[in-house]
Amino acid sequence: MRLKIPTDFRIVRLPCTGKIDIIHILRAFEKGADGLYVVGCMEGDCHFNEGNFRARKRVEQAAKILDKVGVGGERVKMYNLSSGEGPLFAQYSIEMVNKIKELGPSPVRLAKQKLAKQKKATAA
């Protein structure tokens, strides 16, 4: 479809969003992600029965954890789309990238960068 999507994000494909676990979401932030969004089948239309419901619950739990640790739960979100809604996928990706840019870099990434600078300064 040659849709315009931001180059600031990485797509990770799964057989079903129900395979995503809270640890995967939290690990993405640990590795330096500033935000994350999960795109699953329309609710009630999952090929694996209830995968998208499990994913939504896990995304909500991850958002609560991110709020508690000071990263911000608004950095993670879930959308439900059908496979024919490519333009909407592109729109959501643009919205999410803009939201993350508005929020700024992840506190986890900033802390890792600060620690790396400190290590570099002490090594010199």
PDB file of N, CA and C in Angstrom:
ATOM      1  N   MET A   1       0.824  -1.206   0.000  1.00  0.00           N
ATOM      2  CA  MET A   1       0.000   0.000   0.000  1.00  0.00           C
ATOM      3  C   MET A   1       0.867   1.269   0.000  1.00  0.00           C
ATOM      4  N   ARG A   2       2.144   1.104   0.278  1.00  0.00           N
ATOM      5  CA  ARG A   2       3.082   2.230   0.310  1.00  0.00           C
ATOM      6  C   ARG A   2       2.604   3.333   1.255  1.00  0.00           C
ATOM      7  N   LEU A   3       2.220   2.931   2.434  1.00  0.00           N
ATOM      8  CA  LEU A   3       1.763   3.890   3.436  1.00  0.00           C
ATOM      9  C   LEU A   3       2.954   4.568   4.093  1.00  0.00           C
ATOM     10  N   LYS A   4       2.770   5.797   4.462  1.00  0.00           N
ATOM     11  CA  LYS A   4       3.816   6.545   5.144  1.00  0.00           C
ATOM     12  C   LYS A   4       3.720   6.253   6.640  1.00  0.00           C
ATOM     13  N   ILE A   5       4.741   5.592   7.150  1.00  0.00           N
ATOM     14  CA  ILE A   5       4.809   5.331   8.589  1.00  0.00           C
ATOM     15  C   ILE A   5       6.138   5.854   9.092  1.00  0.00           C
ATOM     16  N   PRO A   6       6.192   6.284  10.336  1.00  0.00           N
ATOM     17  CA  PRO A   6       7.439   6.829  10.877  1.00  0.00           C
ATOM     18  C   PRO A   6       8.555   5.787  10.872  1.00  0.00           C
ATOM     19  N   THR A   7       9.768   6.263  10.751  1.00  0.00           N
ATOM     20  CA  THR A   7      10.922   5.367  10.764  1.00  0.00           C
ATOM     21  C   THR A   7      11.453   5.169  12.178  1.00  0.00           C
ATOM     22  N   ASP A   8      10.806   5.798  13.144  1.00  0.00           N
ATOM     23  CA  ASP A   8      11.283   5.788  14.531  1.00  0.00           C
ATOM     24  C   ASP A   8      10.878   4.544  15.323  1.00  0.00           C
ATOM     25  N   PHE A   9      10.259   3.578  14.702  1.00  0.00           N
ATOM     26  CA  PHE A   9       9.838   2.422  15.483  1.00  0.00           C
ATOM     27  C   PHE A   9      10.186   1.128  14.772  1.00  0.00           C
ATOM     28  N   ARG A  10      10.140   0.075  15.559  1.00  0.00           N
ATOM     29  CA  ARG A  10      10.491  -1.257  15.077  1.00  0.00           C
ATOM     30  C   ARG A  10       9.278  -2.164  15.205  1.00  0.00           C
ATOM     31  N   ILE A  11       9.004  -2.938  14.178  1.00  0.00           N
ATOM     32  CA  ILE A  11       7.869  -3.863  14.196  1.00  0.00           C
ATOM     33  C   ILE A  11       8.383  -5.245  14.579  1.00  0.00           C
ATOM     34  N   VAL A  12       7.742  -5.836  15.573  1.00  0.00           N
ATOM     35  CA  VAL A  12       8.053  -7.197  16.000  1.00  0.00           C
ATOM     36  C   VAL A  12       6.788  -8.021  15.770  1.00  0.00           C
ATOM     37  N   ARG A  13       6.873  -9.002  14.893  1.00  0.00           N
ATOM     38  CA  ARG A  13       5.696  -9.805  14.553  1.00  0.00           C
ATOM     39  C   ARG A  13       5.582 -11.022  15.474  1.00  0.00           C
ATOM     40  N   LEU A  14       4.356 -11.308  15.856  1.00  0.00           N
ATOM     41  CA  LEU A  14       4.041 -12.481  16.671  1.00  0.00           C
ATOM     42  C   LEU A  14       2.913 -13.240  15.986  1.00  0.00           C
ATOM     43  N   PRO A  15       2.805 -14.548  16.215  1.00  0.00           N
ATOM     44  CA  PRO A  15       1.691 -15.289  15.623  1.00  0.00           C
ATOM     45  C   PRO A  15       0.338 -14.813  16.158  1.00  0.00           C
ATOM     46  N   CYS A  16       0.350 -14.321  17.387  1.00  0.00           N
ATOM     47  CA  CYS A  16      -0.868 -13.820  18.029  1.00  0.00           C
ATOM     48  C   CYS A  16      -0.437 -12.872  19.129  1.00  0.00           C
ATOM     49  N   THR A  17      -1.176 -11.783  19.326  1.00  0.00           N
ATOM     50  CA  THR A  17      -0.829 -10.857  20.401  1.00  0.00           C
ATOM     51  C   THR A  17      -0.968 -11.523  21.765  1.00  0.00           C
ATOM     52  N   GLY A  18      -1.725 -12.607  21.831  1.00  0.00           N
ATOM     53  CA  GLY A  18      -1.855 -13.349  23.078  1.00  0.00           C
ATOM     54  C   GLY A  18      -0.530 -13.942  23.540  1.00  0.00           C
ATOM     55  N   LYS A  19       0.461 -14.002  22.649  1.00  0.00           N
ATOM     56  CA  LYS A  19       1.783 -14.517  23.001  1.00  0.00           C
ATOM     57  C   LYS A  19       2.642 -13.479  23.721  1.00  0.00           C
ATOM     58  N   ILE A  20       2.240 -12.216  23.678  1.00  0.00           N
ATOM     59  CA  ILE A  20       3.031 -11.196  24.355  1.00  0.00           C
ATOM     60  C   ILE A  20       2.820 -11.313  25.863  1.00  0.00           C
ATOM     61  N   ASP A  21       3.888 -11.162  26.597  1.00  0.00           N
ATOM     62  CA  ASP A  21       3.833 -11.260  28.038  1.00  0.00           C
ATOM     63  C   ASP A  21       4.290  -9.926  28.626  1.00  0.00           C
ATOM     64  N   ILE A  22       3.933  -9.682  29.847  1.00  0.00           N
ATOM     65  CA  ILE A  22       4.325  -8.439  30.504  1.00  0.00           C
ATOM     66  C   ILE A  22       5.841  -8.284  30.472  1.00  0.00           C
ATOM     67  N   ILE A  23       6.554  -9.383  30.649  1.00  0.00           N
ATOM     68  CA  ILE A  23       8.021  -9.317  30.665  1.00  0.00           C
ATOM     69  C   ILE A  23       8.562  -8.815  29.327  1.00  0.00           C
ATOM     70  N   HIS A  24       7.903  -9.159  28.214  1.00  0.00           N
ATOM     71  CA  HIS A  24       8.345  -8.671  26.904  1.00  0.00           C
ATOM     72  C   HIS A  24       8.199  -7.149  26.832  1.00  0.00           C
ATOM     73  N   ILE A  25       7.103  -6.646  27.350  1.00  0.00           N
ATOM     74  CA  ILE A  25       6.850  -5.204  27.329  1.00  0.00           C
ATOM     75  C   ILE A  25       7.861  -4.483  28.203  1.00  0.00           C
ATOM     76  N   LEU A  26       8.055  -4.979  29.410  1.00  0.00           N
ATOM     77  CA  LEU A  26       8.993  -4.335  30.328  1.00  0.00           C
ATOM     78  C   LEU A  26      10.429  -4.434  29.816  1.00  0.00           C
ATOM     79  N   ARG A  27      10.758  -5.557  29.186  1.00  0.00           N
ATOM     80  CA  ARG A  27      12.111  -5.737  28.639  1.00  0.00           C
ATOM     81  C   ARG A  27      12.376  -4.725  27.525  1.00  0.00           C
ATOM     82  N   ALA A  28      11.360  -4.401  26.737  1.00  0.00           N
ATOM     83  CA  ALA A  28      11.529  -3.406  25.674  1.00  0.00           C
ATOM     84  C   ALA A  28      11.953  -2.067  26.270  1.00  0.00           C
ATOM     85  N   PHE A  29      11.334  -1.691  27.376  1.00  0.00           N
ATOM     86  CA  PHE A  29      11.707  -0.439  28.029  1.00  0.00           C
ATOM     87  C   PHE A  29      13.097  -0.543  28.656  1.00  0.00           C
ATOM     88  N   GLU A  30      13.409  -1.691  29.209  1.00  0.00           N
ATOM     89  CA  GLU A  30      14.734  -1.906  29.780  1.00  0.00           C
ATOM     90  C   GLU A  30      15.811  -1.778  28.704  1.00  0.00           C
ATOM     91  N   LYS A  31      15.502  -2.232  27.495  1.00  0.00           N
ATOM     92  CA  LYS A  31      16.452  -2.175  26.381  1.00  0.00           C
ATOM     93  C   LYS A  31      16.528  -0.794  25.730  1.00  0.00           C
ATOM     94  N   GLY A  32      15.695   0.151  26.177  1.00  0.00           N
ATOM     95  CA  GLY A  32      15.789   1.515  25.670  1.00  0.00           C
ATOM     96  C   GLY A  32      14.614   2.040  24.880  1.00  0.00           C
ATOM     97  N   ALA A  33      13.537   1.294  24.790  1.00  0.00           N
ATOM     98  CA  ALA A  33      12.359   1.793  24.062  1.00  0.00           C
ATOM     99  C   ALA A  33      11.747   2.971  24.809  1.00  0.00           C
ATOM    100  N   ASP A  34      11.299   3.956  24.065  1.00  0.00           N
ATOM    101  CA  ASP A  34      10.622   5.107  24.661  1.00  0.00           C
ATOM    102  C   ASP A  34       9.117   4.882  24.741  1.00  0.00           C
ATOM    103  N   GLY A  35       8.608   3.960  23.960  1.00  0.00           N
ATOM    104  CA  GLY A  35       7.189   3.652  23.952  1.00  0.00           C
ATOM    105  C   GLY A  35       6.957   2.356  23.205  1.00  0.00           C
ATOM    106  N   LEU A  36       5.741   1.845  23.347  1.00  0.00           N
ATOM    107  CA  LEU A  36       5.423   0.561  22.740  1.00  0.00           C
ATOM    108  C   LEU A  36       3.926   0.498  22.499  1.00  0.00           C
ATOM    109  N   TYR A  37       3.543  -0.008  21.345  1.00  0.00           N
ATOM    110  CA  TYR A  37       2.121  -0.277  21.155  1.00  0.00           C
ATOM    111  C   TYR A  37       1.946  -1.634  20.508  1.00  0.00           C
ATOM    112  N   VAL A  38       0.871  -2.283  20.910  1.00  0.00           N
ATOM    113  CA  VAL A  38       0.543  -3.632  20.462  1.00  0.00           C
ATOM    114  C   VAL A  38      -0.682  -3.517  19.570  1.00  0.00           C
ATOM    115  N   VAL A  39      -0.619  -4.165  18.401  1.00  0.00           N
ATOM    116  CA  VAL A  39      -1.752  -4.157  17.486  1.00  0.00           C
ATOM    117  C   VAL A  39      -2.230  -5.597  17.329  1.00  0.00           C
ATOM    118  N   GLY A  40      -3.484  -5.831  17.704  1.00  0.00           N
ATOM    119  CA  GLY A  40      -4.053  -7.169  17.616  1.00  0.00           C
ATOM    120  C   GLY A  40      -5.312  -7.195  16.777  1.00  0.00           C
ATOM    121  N   CYS A  41      -5.845  -8.391  16.626  1.00  0.00           N
ATOM    122  CA  CYS A  41      -7.098  -8.593  15.885  1.00  0.00           C
ATOM    123  C   CYS A  41      -8.237  -7.812  16.550  1.00  0.00           C
ATOM    124  N   MET A  42      -9.291  -7.650  15.808  1.00  0.00           N
ATOM    125  CA  MET A  42     -10.483  -7.034  16.380  1.00  0.00           C
ATOM    126  C   MET A  42     -10.973  -7.921  17.531  1.00  0.00           C
ATOM    127  N   GLU A  43     -11.491  -7.293  18.578  1.00  0.00           N
ATOM    128  CA  GLU A  43     -11.959  -8.066  19.731  1.00  0.00           C
ATOM    129  C   GLU A  43     -13.082  -8.997  19.298  1.00  0.00           C
ATOM    130  N   GLY A  44     -12.966 -10.252  19.721  1.00  0.00           N
ATOM    131  CA  GLY A  44     -13.940 -11.260  19.353  1.00  0.00           C
ATOM    132  C   GLY A  44     -13.670 -11.901  18.003  1.00  0.00           C
ATOM    133  N   ASP A  45     -12.598 -11.479  17.333  1.00  0.00           N
ATOM    134  CA  ASP A  45     -12.286 -11.978  16.001  1.00  0.00           C
ATOM    135  C   ASP A  45     -10.893 -12.604  15.934  1.00  0.00           C
ATOM    136  N   CYS A  46     -10.388 -13.039  17.084  1.00  0.00           N
ATOM    137  CA  CYS A  46      -9.045 -13.609  17.169  1.00  0.00           C
ATOM    138  C   CYS A  46      -9.039 -15.042  16.644  1.00  0.00           C
ATOM    139  N   HIS A  47      -8.064 -15.360  15.823  1.00  0.00           N
ATOM    140  CA  HIS A  47      -7.934 -16.725  15.286  1.00  0.00           C
ATOM    141  C   HIS A  47      -7.587 -17.726  16.388  1.00  0.00           C
ATOM    142  N   PHE A  48      -6.993 -17.226  17.456  1.00  0.00           N
ATOM    143  CA  PHE A  48      -6.619 -18.085  18.576  1.00  0.00           C
ATOM    144  C   PHE A  48      -7.574 -17.892  19.751  1.00  0.00           C
ATOM    145  N   ASN A  49      -8.810 -17.601  19.469  1.00  0.00           N
ATOM    146  CA  ASN A  49      -9.923 -17.440  20.409  1.00  0.00           C
ATOM    147  C   ASN A  49      -9.837 -16.180  21.258  1.00  0.00           C
ATOM    148  N   GLU A  50      -8.997 -16.159  22.278  1.00  0.00           N
ATOM    149  CA  GLU A  50      -8.996 -15.042  23.219  1.00  0.00           C
ATOM    150  C   GLU A  50      -7.642 -14.367  23.346  1.00  0.00           C
ATOM    151  N   GLY A  51      -6.789 -14.525  22.361  1.00  0.00           N
ATOM    152  CA  GLY A  51      -5.446 -13.966  22.432  1.00  0.00           C
ATOM    153  C   GLY A  51      -5.429 -12.467  22.603  1.00  0.00           C
ATOM    154  N   ASN A  52      -6.288 -11.770  21.860  1.00  0.00           N
ATOM    155  CA  ASN A  52      -6.279 -10.317  21.958  1.00  0.00           C
ATOM    156  C   ASN A  52      -6.811  -9.822  23.302  1.00  0.00           C
ATOM    157  N   PHE A  53      -7.684 -10.576  23.940  1.00  0.00           N
ATOM    158  CA  PHE A  53      -8.162 -10.192  25.278  1.00  0.00           C
ATOM    159  C   PHE A  53      -7.038 -10.355  26.307  1.00  0.00           C
ATOM    160  N   ARG A  54      -6.267 -11.442  26.174  1.00  0.00           N
ATOM    161  CA  ARG A  54      -5.122 -11.648  27.071  1.00  0.00           C
ATOM    162  C   ARG A  54      -4.087 -10.541  26.869  1.00  0.00           C
ATOM    163  N   ALA A  55      -3.856 -10.187  25.617  1.00  0.00           N
ATOM    164  CA  ALA A  55      -2.880  -9.134  25.321  1.00  0.00           C
ATOM    165  C   ALA A  55      -3.318  -7.805  25.923  1.00  0.00           C
ATOM    166  N   ARG A  56      -4.590  -7.460  25.773  1.00  0.00           N
ATOM    167  CA  ARG A  56      -5.073  -6.194  26.326  1.00  0.00           C
ATOM    168  C   ARG A  56      -4.879  -6.160  27.842  1.00  0.00           C
ATOM    169  N   LYS A  57      -5.200  -7.258  28.495  1.00  0.00           N
ATOM    170  CA  LYS A  57      -5.041  -7.329  29.947  1.00  0.00           C
ATOM    171  C   LYS A  57      -3.573  -7.146  30.336  1.00  0.00           C
ATOM    172  N   ARG A  58      -2.676  -7.771  29.592  1.00  0.00           N
ATOM    173  CA  ARG A  58      -1.245  -7.675  29.887  1.00  0.00           C
ATOM    174  C   ARG A  58      -0.709  -6.274  29.620  1.00  0.00           C
ATOM    175  N   VAL A  59      -1.188  -5.641  28.568  1.00  0.00           N
ATOM    176  CA  VAL A  59      -0.772  -4.268  28.273  1.00  0.00           C
ATOM    177  C   VAL A  59      -1.239  -3.342  29.393  1.00  0.00           C
ATOM    178  N   GLU A  60      -2.456  -3.525  29.858  1.00  0.00           N
ATOM    179  CA  GLU A  60      -2.968  -2.709  30.967  1.00  0.00           C
ATOM    180  C   GLU A  60      -2.162  -2.937  32.236  1.00  0.00           C
ATOM    181  N   GLN A  61      -1.802  -4.193  32.520  1.00  0.00           N
ATOM    182  CA  GLN A  61      -0.981  -4.491  33.695  1.00  0.00           C
ATOM    183  C   GLN A  61       0.399  -3.860  33.567  1.00  0.00           C
ATOM    184  N   ALA A  62       0.978  -3.930  32.381  1.00  0.00           N
ATOM    185  CA  ALA A  62       2.295  -3.327  32.157  1.00  0.00           C
ATOM    186  C   ALA A  62       2.227  -1.813  32.344  1.00  0.00           C
ATOM    187  N   ALA A  63       1.146  -1.191  31.883  1.00  0.00           N
ATOM    188  CA  ALA A  63       0.978   0.253  32.048  1.00  0.00           C
ATOM    189  C   ALA A  63       0.939   0.621  33.529  1.00  0.00           C
ATOM    190  N   LYS A  64       0.261  -0.178  34.333  1.00  0.00           N
ATOM    191  CA  LYS A  64       0.208   0.076  35.779  1.00  0.00           C
ATOM    192  C   LYS A  64       1.595  -0.039  36.399  1.00  0.00           C
ATOM    193  N   ILE A  65       2.343  -1.053  35.986  1.00  0.00           N
ATOM    194  CA  ILE A  65       3.701  -1.238  36.508  1.00  0.00           C
ATOM    195  C   ILE A  65       4.587  -0.058  36.106  1.00  0.00           C
ATOM    196  N   LEU A  66       4.487   0.353  34.847  1.00  0.00           N
ATOM    197  CA  LEU A  66       5.289   1.482  34.374  1.00  0.00           C
ATOM    198  C   LEU A  66       4.943   2.762  35.111  1.00  0.00           C
ATOM    199  N   ASP A  67       3.674   2.947  35.453  1.00  0.00           N
ATOM    200  CA  ASP A  67       3.278   4.104  36.258  1.00  0.00           C
ATOM    201  C   ASP A  67       3.912   4.040  37.647  1.00  0.00           C
ATOM    202  N   LYS A  68       3.876   2.870  38.249  1.00  0.00           N
ATOM    203  CA  LYS A  68       4.415   2.704  39.607  1.00  0.00           C
ATOM    204  C   LYS A  68       5.920   2.948  39.685  1.00  0.00           C
ATOM    205  N   VAL A  69       6.645   2.567  38.635  1.00  0.00           N
ATOM    206  CA  VAL A  69       8.100   2.733  38.672  1.00  0.00           C
ATOM    207  C   VAL A  69       8.550   4.081  38.102  1.00  0.00           C
ATOM    208  N   GLY A  70       7.602   4.909  37.682  1.00  0.00           N
ATOM    209  CA  GLY A  70       7.927   6.257  37.245  1.00  0.00           C
ATOM    210  C   GLY A  70       8.246   6.417  35.771  1.00  0.00           C
ATOM    211  N   VAL A  71       8.018   5.397  34.976  1.00  0.00           N
ATOM    212  CA  VAL A  71       8.274   5.491  33.535  1.00  0.00           C
ATOM    213  C   VAL A  71       7.075   6.133  32.838  1.00  0.00           C
ATOM    214  N   GLY A  72       5.881   5.776  33.264  1.00  0.00           N
ATOM    215  CA  GLY A  72       4.664   6.340  32.682  1.00  0.00           C
ATOM    216  C   GLY A  72       3.891   5.318  31.877  1.00  0.00           C
ATOM    217  N   GLY A  73       2.711   4.983  32.346  1.00  0.00           N
ATOM    218  CA  GLY A  73       1.872   3.991  31.689  1.00  0.00           C
ATOM    219  C   GLY A  73       1.350   4.423  30.335  1.00  0.00           C
ATOM    220  N   GLU A  74       1.371   5.739  30.076  1.00  0.00           N
ATOM    221  CA  GLU A  74       0.887   6.224  28.785  1.00  0.00           C
ATOM    222  C   GLU A  74       1.853   5.911  27.647  1.00  0.00           C
ATOM    223  N   ARG A  75       2.997   5.343  27.979  1.00  0.00           N
ATOM    224  CA  ARG A  75       3.987   4.968  26.962  1.00  0.00           C
ATOM    225  C   ARG A  75       3.679   3.615  26.324  1.00  0.00           C
ATOM    226  N   VAL A  76       2.667   2.914  26.828  1.00  0.00           N
ATOM    227  CA  VAL A  76       2.293   1.621  26.268  1.00  0.00           C
ATOM    228  C   VAL A  76       0.790   1.620  25.989  1.00  0.00           C
ATOM    229  N   LYS A  77       0.400   1.091  24.839  1.00  0.00           N
ATOM    230  CA  LYS A  77      -1.004   1.136  24.432  1.00  0.00           C
ATOM    231  C   LYS A  77      -1.316  -0.052  23.530  1.00  0.00           C
ATOM    232  N   MET A  78      -2.588  -0.408  23.460  1.00  0.00           N
ATOM    233  CA  MET A  78      -3.012  -1.492  22.572  1.00  0.00           C
ATOM    234  C   MET A  78      -4.109  -1.001  21.648  1.00  0.00           C
ATOM    235  N   TYR A  79      -4.011  -1.430  20.388  1.00  0.00           N
ATOM    236  CA  TYR A  79      -5.015  -1.132  19.381  1.00  0.00           C
ATOM    237  C   TYR A  79      -5.521  -2.447  18.797  1.00  0.00           C
ATOM    238  N   ASN A  80      -6.753  -2.445  18.335  1.00  0.00           N
ATOM    239  CA  ASN A  80      -7.330  -3.599  17.647  1.00  0.00           C
ATOM    240  C   ASN A  80      -7.678  -3.181  16.225  1.00  0.00           C
ATOM    241  N   LEU A  81      -7.127  -3.917  15.263  1.00  0.00           N
ATOM    242  CA  LEU A  81      -7.360  -3.617  13.855  1.00  0.00           C
ATOM    243  C   LEU A  81      -7.580  -4.907  13.079  1.00  0.00           C
ATOM    244  N   SER A  82      -8.265  -4.799  11.960  1.00  0.00           N
ATOM    245  CA  SER A  82      -8.344  -5.948  11.052  1.00  0.00           C
ATOM    246  C   SER A  82      -7.186  -5.832  10.065  1.00  0.00           C
ATOM    247  N   SER A  83      -6.898  -6.901   9.370  1.00  0.00           N
ATOM    248  CA  SER A  83      -5.755  -6.906   8.456  1.00  0.00           C
ATOM    249  C   SER A  83      -5.927  -5.937   7.289  1.00  0.00           C
ATOM    250  N   GLY A  84      -7.140  -5.526   6.999  1.00  0.00           N
ATOM    251  CA  GLY A  84      -7.386  -4.608   5.898  1.00  0.00           C
ATOM    252  C   GLY A  84      -7.303  -3.146   6.277  1.00  0.00           C
ATOM    253  N   GLU A  85      -6.933  -2.845   7.499  1.00  0.00           N
ATOM    254  CA  GLU A  85      -6.916  -1.462   7.952  1.00  0.00           C
ATOM    255  C   GLU A  85      -5.501  -0.889   8.008  1.00  0.00           C
ATOM    256  N   GLY A  86      -4.762  -1.067   6.922  1.00  0.00           N
ATOM    257  CA  GLY A  86      -3.404  -0.544   6.832  1.00  0.00           C
ATOM    258  C   GLY A  86      -3.314   0.958   7.054  1.00  0.00           C
ATOM    259  N   PRO A  87      -4.197   1.764   6.428  1.00  0.00           N
ATOM    260  CA  PRO A  87      -4.130   3.211   6.653  1.00  0.00           C
ATOM    261  C   PRO A  87      -4.334   3.586   8.130  1.00  0.00           C
ATOM    262  N   LEU A  88      -5.188   2.859   8.822  1.00  0.00           N
ATOM    263  CA  LEU A  88      -5.411   3.120  10.238  1.00  0.00           C
ATOM    264  C   LEU A  88      -4.178   2.729  11.054  1.00  0.00           C
ATOM    265  N   PHE A  89      -3.508   1.632  10.664  1.00  0.00           N
ATOM    266  CA  PHE A  89      -2.253   1.244  11.313  1.00  0.00           C
ATOM    267  C   PHE A  89      -1.227   2.370  11.175  1.00  0.00           C
ATOM    268  N   ALA A  90      -1.113   2.927   9.978  1.00  0.00           N
ATOM    269  CA  ALA A  90      -0.176   4.029   9.747  1.00  0.00           C
ATOM    270  C   ALA A  90      -0.553   5.243  10.590  1.00  0.00           C
ATOM    271  N   GLN A  91      -1.845   5.536  10.680  1.00  0.00           N
ATOM    272  CA  GLN A  91      -2.310   6.667  11.489  1.00  0.00           C
ATOM    273  C   GLN A  91      -1.971   6.454  12.954  1.00  0.00           C
ATOM    274  N   TYR A  92      -2.218   5.246  13.479  1.00  0.00           N
ATOM    275  CA  TYR A  92      -1.907   4.948  14.876  1.00  0.00           C
ATOM    276  C   TYR A  92      -0.410   5.042  15.140  1.00  0.00           C
ATOM    277  N   SER A  93       0.395   4.613  14.171  1.00  0.00           N
ATOM    278  CA  SER A  93       1.839   4.673  14.376  1.00  0.00           C
ATOM    279  C   SER A  93       2.301   6.126  14.450  1.00  0.00           C
ATOM    280  N   ILE A  94       1.751   6.978  13.612  1.00  0.00           N
ATOM    281  CA  ILE A  94       2.104   8.400  13.643  1.00  0.00           C
ATOM    282  C   ILE A  94       1.665   9.022  14.963  1.00  0.00           C
ATOM    283  N   GLU A  95       0.434   8.717  15.399  1.00  0.00           N
ATOM    284  CA  GLU A  95      -0.071   9.245  16.669  1.00  0.00           C
ATOM    285  C   GLU A  95       0.799   8.803  17.832  1.00  0.00           C
ATOM    286  N   MET A  96       1.184   7.529  17.840  1.00  0.00           N
ATOM    287  CA  MET A  96       1.983   7.002  18.940  1.00  0.00           C
ATOM    288  C   MET A  96       3.377   7.626  18.954  1.00  0.00           C
ATOM    289  N   VAL A  97       3.990   7.762  17.804  1.00  0.00           N
ATOM    290  CA  VAL A  97       5.313   8.388  17.734  1.00  0.00           C
ATOM    291  C   VAL A  97       5.230   9.835  18.204  1.00  0.00           C
ATOM    292  N   ASN A  98       4.190  10.555  17.793  1.00  0.00           N
ATOM    293  CA  ASN A  98       4.026  11.944  18.241  1.00  0.00           C
ATOM    294  C   ASN A  98       3.825  12.023  19.747  1.00  0.00           C
ATOM    295  N   LYS A  99       3.037  11.104  20.294  1.00  0.00           N
ATOM    296  CA  LYS A  99       2.806  11.074  21.743  1.00  0.00           C
ATOM    297  C   LYS A  99       4.115  10.829  22.494  1.00  0.00           C
ATOM    298  N   ILE A 100       4.917   9.887  22.003  1.00  0.00           N
ATOM    299  CA  ILE A 100       6.184   9.572  22.661  1.00  0.00           C
ATOM    300  C   ILE A 100       7.147  10.747  22.548  1.00  0.00           C
ATOM    301  N   LYS A 101       7.178  11.409  21.405  1.00  0.00           N
ATOM    302  CA  LYS A 101       8.039  12.592  21.256  1.00  0.00           C
ATOM    303  C   LYS A 101       7.615  13.683  22.228  1.00  0.00           C
ATOM    304  N   GLU A 102       6.313  13.819  22.433  1.00  0.00           N
ATOM    305  CA  GLU A 102       5.777  14.797  23.381  1.00  0.00           C
ATOM    306  C   GLU A 102       6.210  14.459  24.812  1.00  0.00           C
ATOM    307  N   LEU A 103       6.194  13.158  25.145  1.00  0.00           N
ATOM    308  CA  LEU A 103       6.590  12.725  26.486  1.00  0.00           C
ATOM    309  C   LEU A 103       8.100  12.802  26.691  1.00  0.00           C
ATOM    310  N   GLY A 104       8.853  12.711  25.614  1.00  0.00           N
ATOM    311  CA  GLY A 104      10.303  12.750  25.708  1.00  0.00           C
ATOM    312  C   GLY A 104      10.879  11.359  25.898  1.00  0.00           C
ATOM    313  N   PRO A 105      12.195  11.290  26.024  1.00  0.00           N
ATOM    314  CA  PRO A 105      12.856   9.996  26.185  1.00  0.00           C
ATOM    315  C   PRO A 105      12.405   9.284  27.459  1.00  0.00           C
ATOM    316  N   SER A 106      12.452   7.984  27.414  1.00  0.00           N
ATOM    317  CA  SER A 106      12.097   7.169  28.565  1.00  0.00           C
ATOM    318  C   SER A 106      13.060   7.431  29.715  1.00  0.00           C
ATOM    319  N   PRO A 107      12.560   7.565  30.940  1.00  0.00           N
ATOM    320  CA  PRO A 107      13.448   7.733  32.088  1.00  0.00           C
ATOM    321  C   PRO A 107      14.445   6.583  32.238  1.00  0.00           C
ATOM    322  N   VAL A 108      14.060   5.400  31.799  1.00  0.00           N
ATOM    323  CA  VAL A 108      14.963   4.251  31.872  1.00  0.00           C
ATOM    324  C   VAL A 108      16.144   4.469  30.932  1.00  0.00           C
ATOM    325  N   ARG A 109      15.862   4.909  29.728  1.00  0.00           N
ATOM    326  CA  ARG A 109      16.928   5.151  28.753  1.00  0.00           C
ATOM    327  C   ARG A 109      17.832   6.288  29.212  1.00  0.00           C
ATOM    328  N   LEU A 110      17.251   7.346  29.767  1.00  0.00           N
ATOM    329  CA  LEU A 110      18.043   8.464  30.261  1.00  0.00           C
ATOM    330  C   LEU A 110      18.969   8.021  31.398  1.00  0.00           C
ATOM    331  N   ALA A 111      18.446   7.181  32.290  1.00  0.00           N
ATOM    332  CA  ALA A 111      19.259   6.688  33.405  1.00  0.00           C
ATOM    333  C   ALA A 111      20.404   5.812  32.894  1.00  0.00           C
ATOM    334  N   LYS A 112      20.133   4.985  31.890  1.00  0.00           N
ATOM    335  CA  LYS A 112      21.179   4.129  31.320  1.00  0.00           C
ATOM    336  C   LYS A 112      22.256   4.980  30.644  1.00  0.00           C
ATOM    337  N   GLN A 113      21.857   6.035  29.950  1.00  0.00           N
ATOM    338  CA  GLN A 113      22.816   6.910  29.289  1.00  0.00           C
ATOM    339  C   GLN A 113      23.680   7.638  30.314  1.00  0.00           C
ATOM    340  N   LYS A 114      23.050   8.083  31.403  1.00  0.00           N
ATOM    341  CA  LYS A 114      23.783   8.775  32.464  1.00  0.00           C
ATOM    342  C   LYS A 114      24.795   7.837  33.106  1.00  0.00           C
ATOM    343  N   LEU A 115      24.389   6.601  33.365  1.00  0.00           N
ATOM    344  CA  LEU A 115      25.283   5.605  33.951  1.00  0.00           C
ATOM    345  C   LEU A 115      26.448   5.302  33.015  1.00  0.00           C
ATOM    346  N   ALA A 116      26.176   5.208  31.727  1.00  0.00           N
ATOM    347  CA  ALA A 116      27.235   4.936  30.757  1.00  0.00           C
ATOM    348  C   ALA A 116      28.242   6.091  30.718  1.00  0.00           C
ATOM    349  N   LYS A 117      27.760   7.325  30.802  1.00  0.00           N
ATOM    350  CA  LYS A 117      28.647   8.489  30.821  1.00  0.00           C
ATOM    351  C   LYS A 117      29.521   8.492  32.073  1.00  0.00           C
ATOM    352  N   GLN A 118      28.917   8.122  33.207  1.00  0.00           N
ATOM    353  CA  GLN A 118      29.664   8.071  34.459  1.00  0.00           C
ATOM    354  C   GLN A 118      30.775   7.011  34.388  1.00  0.00           C
ATOM    355  N   LYS A 119      30.434   5.856  33.818  1.00  0.00           N
ATOM    356  CA  LYS A 119      31.424   4.785  33.684  1.00  0.00           C
ATOM    357  C   LYS A 119      32.548   5.220  32.760  1.00  0.00           C
ATOM    358  N   LYS A 120      32.193   5.901  31.691  1.00  0.00           N
ATOM    359  CA  LYS A 120      33.197   6.367  30.736  1.00  0.00           C
ATOM    360  C   LYS A 120      34.111   7.409  31.370  1.00  0.00           C
ATOM    361  N   ALA A 121      33.518   8.291  32.187  1.00  0.00           N
ATOM    362  CA  ALA A 121      34.312   9.349  32.838  1.00  0.00           C
ATOM    363  C   ALA A 121      35.259   8.746  33.884  1.00  0.00           C
ATOM    364  N   THR A 122      34.814   7.735  34.605  1.00  0.00           N
ATOM    365  CA  THR A 122      35.679   7.128  35.624  1.00  0.00           C
ATOM    366  C   THR A 122      36.761   6.265  34.986  1.00  0.00           C
ATOM    367  N   ALA A 123      36.510   5.753  33.785  1.00  0.00           N
ATOM    368  CA  ALA A 123      37.489   4.924  33.089  1.00  0.00           C
ATOM    369  C   ALA A 123      38.597   5.780  32.478  1.00  0.00           C
ATOM    370  N   ALA A 124      38.288   7.046  32.224  1.00  0.00           N
ATOM    371  CA  ALA A 124      39.273   7.922  31.562  1.00  0.00           C
ATOM    372  C   ALA A 124      40.268   8.511  32.509  1.00  0.00           C
TER     373      ALA A 124
END
